[in-house]
């Protein structure tokens, strides 16, 4: 298991996205969510940083939501080394 860390910023202004909800769910090879997936949810801090600890290796669907922005979905591969999303 490894840590996964992400810093969320607004692309045009590079401003941090504070208080965003970030959901991490295991994904199948076709990027659908696994039926047996454990859902992990965390909130970004004032600097726009979110951390998930002890994430098993594999494919994950990351969903970010906050007021005033569209939902963002990304598929990432978590490996042996710590991952920055």
N, C-alpha and C. Protein backbone atom coordinates (compact mmCIF):
# COMPACT_ATOMS: atom_id res chain seq x y z
N UNK A 1 0.84 -1.17 0.00
CA UNK A 1 0.00 0.00 0.00
C UNK A 1 0.89 1.24 0.00
N UNK A 2 0.44 2.26 -0.71
CA UNK A 2 1.23 3.48 -0.87
C UNK A 2 0.35 4.70 -0.63
N UNK A 3 0.96 5.86 -0.34
CA UNK A 3 0.18 7.10 -0.23
C UNK A 3 -0.09 7.69 -1.60
N UNK A 4 -1.20 8.39 -1.75
CA UNK A 4 -1.52 9.13 -2.98
C UNK A 4 -1.82 10.56 -2.56
N UNK A 5 -1.15 11.52 -3.20
CA UNK A 5 -1.30 12.93 -2.86
C UNK A 5 -1.59 13.72 -4.13
N UNK A 6 -2.48 14.71 -4.03
CA UNK A 6 -2.78 15.57 -5.17
C UNK A 6 -2.90 17.00 -4.69
N UNK A 7 -2.47 17.95 -5.52
CA UNK A 7 -2.67 19.37 -5.27
C UNK A 7 -3.60 19.89 -6.36
N UNK A 8 -4.75 20.40 -5.98
CA UNK A 8 -5.75 20.87 -6.94
C UNK A 8 -5.65 22.38 -7.10
N UNK A 9 -5.52 22.83 -8.35
CA UNK A 9 -5.43 24.26 -8.64
C UNK A 9 -6.31 24.60 -9.83
N UNK A 10 -6.73 25.85 -9.91
CA UNK A 10 -7.47 26.35 -11.06
C UNK A 10 -6.45 26.59 -12.18
N UNK A 11 -6.67 26.01 -13.34
CA UNK A 11 -5.69 26.07 -14.43
C UNK A 11 -5.37 27.50 -14.84
N UNK A 12 -6.37 28.33 -15.03
CA UNK A 12 -6.13 29.70 -15.51
C UNK A 12 -5.39 30.59 -14.52
N UNK A 13 -5.64 30.39 -13.21
CA UNK A 13 -5.07 31.31 -12.22
C UNK A 13 -4.02 30.65 -11.31
N UNK A 14 -3.94 29.33 -11.35
CA UNK A 14 -3.04 28.55 -10.49
C UNK A 14 -3.39 28.70 -9.01
N UNK A 15 -4.63 29.14 -8.73
CA UNK A 15 -5.10 29.28 -7.35
C UNK A 15 -5.50 27.92 -6.79
N UNK A 16 -5.22 27.65 -5.52
CA UNK A 16 -5.60 26.37 -4.93
C UNK A 16 -7.11 26.22 -4.83
N UNK A 17 -7.59 24.98 -4.94
CA UNK A 17 -9.02 24.68 -4.79
C UNK A 17 -9.21 24.08 -3.40
N UNK A 18 -9.57 24.93 -2.46
CA UNK A 18 -9.76 24.49 -1.07
C UNK A 18 -11.15 23.89 -0.88
N UNK A 19 -11.27 22.97 0.05
CA UNK A 19 -12.55 22.37 0.46
C UNK A 19 -13.25 21.57 -0.64
N UNK A 20 -12.51 21.08 -1.61
CA UNK A 20 -13.09 20.22 -2.65
C UNK A 20 -13.19 18.80 -2.12
N UNK A 21 -14.24 18.08 -2.50
CA UNK A 21 -14.39 16.68 -2.13
C UNK A 21 -13.72 15.83 -3.20
N UNK A 22 -12.85 14.91 -2.78
CA UNK A 22 -12.12 14.05 -3.70
C UNK A 22 -12.48 12.61 -3.36
N UNK A 23 -12.94 11.88 -4.36
CA UNK A 23 -13.36 10.49 -4.18
C UNK A 23 -12.40 9.60 -4.95
N UNK A 24 -11.95 8.52 -4.32
CA UNK A 24 -11.02 7.58 -4.92
C UNK A 24 -11.66 6.19 -4.87
N UNK A 25 -11.89 5.59 -6.07
CA UNK A 25 -12.52 4.26 -6.14
C UNK A 25 -11.74 3.37 -7.10
N UNK A 26 -11.57 2.10 -6.74
CA UNK A 26 -10.87 1.17 -7.61
C UNK A 26 -11.64 1.01 -8.92
N UNK A 27 -10.88 0.91 -10.03
CA UNK A 27 -11.49 0.83 -11.36
C UNK A 27 -11.06 -0.45 -12.07
N UNK A 28 -11.92 -0.91 -12.97
CA UNK A 28 -11.60 -2.03 -13.85
C UNK A 28 -10.73 -1.53 -14.99
N UNK A 29 -10.26 -2.46 -15.83
CA UNK A 29 -9.42 -2.07 -16.98
C UNK A 29 -10.14 -1.13 -17.94
N UNK A 30 -11.47 -1.24 -18.02
CA UNK A 30 -12.24 -0.37 -18.93
C UNK A 30 -12.67 0.93 -18.24
N UNK A 31 -12.08 1.23 -17.09
CA UNK A 31 -12.31 2.45 -16.32
C UNK A 31 -13.68 2.53 -15.66
N UNK A 32 -14.43 1.42 -15.61
CA UNK A 32 -15.65 1.39 -14.82
C UNK A 32 -15.27 1.09 -13.37
N UNK A 33 -16.12 1.47 -12.44
CA UNK A 33 -15.83 1.26 -11.03
C UNK A 33 -16.10 -0.19 -10.66
N UNK A 34 -15.18 -0.78 -9.92
CA UNK A 34 -15.36 -2.15 -9.46
C UNK A 34 -16.52 -2.22 -8.49
N UNK A 35 -17.33 -3.27 -8.60
CA UNK A 35 -18.49 -3.42 -7.73
C UNK A 35 -18.08 -3.63 -6.27
N UNK A 36 -16.92 -4.23 -6.04
CA UNK A 36 -16.45 -4.48 -4.68
C UNK A 36 -15.51 -3.38 -4.19
N UNK A 37 -15.47 -2.27 -4.88
CA UNK A 37 -14.52 -1.20 -4.56
C UNK A 37 -14.86 -0.52 -3.24
N UNK A 38 -13.83 -0.24 -2.47
CA UNK A 38 -13.97 0.55 -1.25
C UNK A 38 -13.85 2.01 -1.65
N UNK A 39 -14.82 2.80 -1.26
CA UNK A 39 -14.81 4.22 -1.61
C UNK A 39 -14.05 5.00 -0.54
N UNK A 40 -13.10 5.80 -0.99
CA UNK A 40 -12.35 6.67 -0.08
C UNK A 40 -12.69 8.11 -0.44
N UNK A 41 -13.01 8.90 0.56
CA UNK A 41 -13.36 10.30 0.33
C UNK A 41 -12.54 11.16 1.28
N UNK A 42 -11.99 12.24 0.73
CA UNK A 42 -11.23 13.20 1.54
C UNK A 42 -11.50 14.60 1.00
N UNK A 43 -11.15 15.59 1.78
CA UNK A 43 -11.37 16.99 1.41
C UNK A 43 -10.02 17.69 1.29
N UNK A 44 -9.91 18.58 0.29
CA UNK A 44 -8.67 19.33 0.14
C UNK A 44 -8.53 20.34 1.28
N UNK A 45 -7.27 20.62 1.62
CA UNK A 45 -7.02 21.62 2.67
C UNK A 45 -6.98 23.02 2.04
N UNK A 46 -6.59 24.01 2.81
CA UNK A 46 -6.57 25.39 2.32
C UNK A 46 -5.60 25.59 1.16
N UNK A 47 -4.61 24.72 1.05
CA UNK A 47 -3.63 24.79 -0.05
C UNK A 47 -4.06 23.97 -1.26
N UNK A 48 -5.24 23.36 -1.20
CA UNK A 48 -5.73 22.54 -2.31
C UNK A 48 -5.15 21.14 -2.33
N UNK A 49 -4.54 20.70 -1.23
CA UNK A 49 -3.88 19.39 -1.17
C UNK A 49 -4.81 18.37 -0.51
N UNK A 50 -4.85 17.17 -1.10
CA UNK A 50 -5.59 16.05 -0.53
C UNK A 50 -4.65 14.85 -0.43
N UNK A 51 -4.80 14.06 0.63
CA UNK A 51 -3.94 12.90 0.83
C UNK A 51 -4.78 11.68 1.16
N UNK A 52 -4.45 10.57 0.53
CA UNK A 52 -5.02 9.26 0.85
C UNK A 52 -3.86 8.38 1.29
N UNK A 53 -3.97 7.74 2.43
CA UNK A 53 -2.91 6.88 2.94
C UNK A 53 -3.25 5.40 2.70
N UNK A 54 -2.23 4.58 2.60
CA UNK A 54 -2.40 3.12 2.48
C UNK A 54 -3.36 2.73 1.35
N UNK A 55 -3.06 3.19 0.15
CA UNK A 55 -3.86 2.86 -1.03
C UNK A 55 -3.28 1.61 -1.68
N UNK A 56 -4.06 0.53 -1.84
CA UNK A 56 -3.55 -0.66 -2.53
C UNK A 56 -3.21 -0.34 -3.99
N UNK A 57 -2.23 -1.04 -4.53
CA UNK A 57 -1.85 -0.84 -5.93
C UNK A 57 -3.02 -1.17 -6.84
N UNK A 58 -3.09 -0.47 -7.99
CA UNK A 58 -4.13 -0.75 -8.97
C UNK A 58 -4.62 0.49 -9.67
N UNK A 59 -5.66 0.32 -10.48
CA UNK A 59 -6.28 1.44 -11.21
C UNK A 59 -7.37 2.07 -10.34
N UNK A 60 -7.44 3.41 -10.40
CA UNK A 60 -8.42 4.12 -9.60
C UNK A 60 -9.09 5.21 -10.42
N UNK A 61 -10.37 5.43 -10.14
CA UNK A 61 -11.10 6.55 -10.70
C UNK A 61 -11.13 7.64 -9.62
N UNK A 62 -10.61 8.81 -9.97
CA UNK A 62 -10.59 9.94 -9.05
C UNK A 62 -11.66 10.92 -9.52
N UNK A 63 -12.55 11.33 -8.60
CA UNK A 63 -13.59 12.30 -8.90
C UNK A 63 -13.44 13.47 -7.95
N UNK A 64 -13.42 14.67 -8.51
CA UNK A 64 -13.28 15.89 -7.71
C UNK A 64 -14.53 16.74 -7.91
N UNK A 65 -15.10 17.23 -6.81
CA UNK A 65 -16.26 18.11 -6.92
C UNK A 65 -16.17 19.22 -5.88
N UNK A 66 -16.62 20.38 -6.29
CA UNK A 66 -16.70 21.53 -5.39
C UNK A 66 -17.67 22.55 -5.98
N UNK A 67 -18.20 23.40 -5.17
CA UNK A 67 -19.17 24.40 -5.61
C UNK A 67 -18.49 25.36 -6.59
N UNK A 68 -19.15 25.63 -7.70
CA UNK A 68 -18.65 26.59 -8.68
C UNK A 68 -17.80 25.99 -9.78
N UNK A 69 -17.54 24.67 -9.73
CA UNK A 69 -16.71 24.01 -10.75
C UNK A 69 -17.42 22.77 -11.24
N UNK A 70 -17.05 22.31 -12.45
CA UNK A 70 -17.60 21.07 -12.97
C UNK A 70 -16.91 19.88 -12.28
N UNK A 71 -17.59 18.72 -12.32
CA UNK A 71 -16.96 17.51 -11.81
C UNK A 71 -15.77 17.16 -12.68
N UNK A 72 -14.71 16.67 -12.07
CA UNK A 72 -13.53 16.23 -12.81
C UNK A 72 -13.33 14.75 -12.50
N UNK A 73 -13.18 13.92 -13.55
CA UNK A 73 -12.94 12.50 -13.40
C UNK A 73 -11.63 12.16 -14.09
N UNK A 74 -10.77 11.41 -13.41
CA UNK A 74 -9.50 10.95 -13.99
C UNK A 74 -9.26 9.52 -13.54
N UNK A 75 -8.67 8.73 -14.42
CA UNK A 75 -8.24 7.39 -14.06
C UNK A 75 -6.73 7.43 -13.86
N UNK A 76 -6.26 6.86 -12.75
CA UNK A 76 -4.83 6.85 -12.44
C UNK A 76 -4.40 5.45 -12.06
N UNK A 77 -3.11 5.18 -12.19
CA UNK A 77 -2.52 3.90 -11.81
C UNK A 77 -1.67 4.12 -10.57
N UNK A 78 -2.04 3.47 -9.47
CA UNK A 78 -1.25 3.55 -8.24
C UNK A 78 -0.31 2.38 -8.23
N UNK A 79 1.00 2.65 -8.05
CA UNK A 79 2.01 1.60 -8.08
C UNK A 79 2.75 1.50 -6.77
N UNK A 80 3.94 0.97 -6.85
CA UNK A 80 4.75 0.75 -5.65
C UNK A 80 5.22 2.06 -5.04
N UNK A 81 5.59 3.01 -5.87
CA UNK A 81 6.10 4.29 -5.38
C UNK A 81 4.93 5.23 -5.04
N UNK A 82 5.15 6.21 -4.14
CA UNK A 82 4.09 7.21 -3.86
C UNK A 82 3.68 7.92 -5.15
N UNK A 83 2.42 8.28 -5.24
CA UNK A 83 1.87 8.85 -6.47
C UNK A 83 1.38 10.25 -6.22
N UNK A 84 1.71 11.16 -7.12
CA UNK A 84 1.10 12.51 -7.13
C UNK A 84 0.14 12.55 -8.30
N UNK A 85 -1.10 12.86 -8.02
CA UNK A 85 -2.14 12.86 -9.06
C UNK A 85 -2.28 14.26 -9.62
